[in-house]
Amino acid sequence: MREGPPVTLYCFAHAGAGGSGFTRWRTRTGPGVSVVPVVLPGRGVRRGELCVTSREGLCGALLGWLGDQVADGRPYALYGHSLGGMVAHTLTRALIDQGLPAPAFLAVGATPPPHAPALSHGDMTDERLLSFAAGLGAVPRGVLAAPGSLWYRTVLPVLRDDLLLAAALRAAVLADASCAVLPVPVLALGGRDDSVVGPSVLDGWERWTMSRFVQRTVPGDHFFVRGPHAPRLVGRACRVVRRTRRVPGLIPGGQL
């Protein structure tokens, strides 16, 4: 069977992070997949821009560019990790609402579904925010995260704004829940040792798609995105799309 064009995989990072966490995905997803990390304002090459904390701000920052990328109808998919899962869900809905081609599938990793209780981060003081991030394993050790350190001054404010964004995106979905259900397949990934977002939580994503839902567990904790297993699995789903242009998960023999 003749294979189609490469599948472009747009990737969205967890709270406080940029696109560097997906650098190794370019090789780990395997052939036939073009990985494009998407950087939100306030980090990386967009460090000079203000972070976005609302659905309107997110769409204003990313939707025009992403819409231009996918308008030609070439196959693509979205993967979002933790906060990135809600970002990817929001952009998928926005692209469809604009009449643009939908992704072949949406993949979310370590992301509670919109209706699930959000990860609790208290009243957003520095102390509570540090405790919350430390509980996820997202804080460097010792003096690297001490008040006044580079991490404290640069990452902590972005993390705070990203958690505000996550809450705003969930609120926007729940305010119009019937329109937030997607007509595309959803692949939900969880870490085997993730004590925060377990399989029973990820199962809740099934109610947010009118299409196929697949849930898979990979080795690792909440940040399994850094390991090799998630990109291999998502890359495999992309190749199913490339070969068949069919819905991942509906392929005979359970190739996902």
Foldseek 3Di string as FASTA:
>chain_A
DDFFAAAEEEEAEAFLDFQPLCPVLCPLLDPSYHYHYDGAACDDPNVVGDGDQALVVLCVGPQVVVLVVQQVPDAYEYEYAALGLLSRLSSQLVCVVVVGDHHQEYEYELYFPLVDDHQDQPPLDLVSNVVSCVVQVNADDDPCCDPPHPCVVRRSVRNSSSVSNSVNSSVVCVVPVVSSQAAHEYEYEYEPAAPRQDPVRSVVCVVRYPDHYHYDYDHDYSVCSNPSPVSNVVSQQSSVCRHPVDRQQPDPPNSD
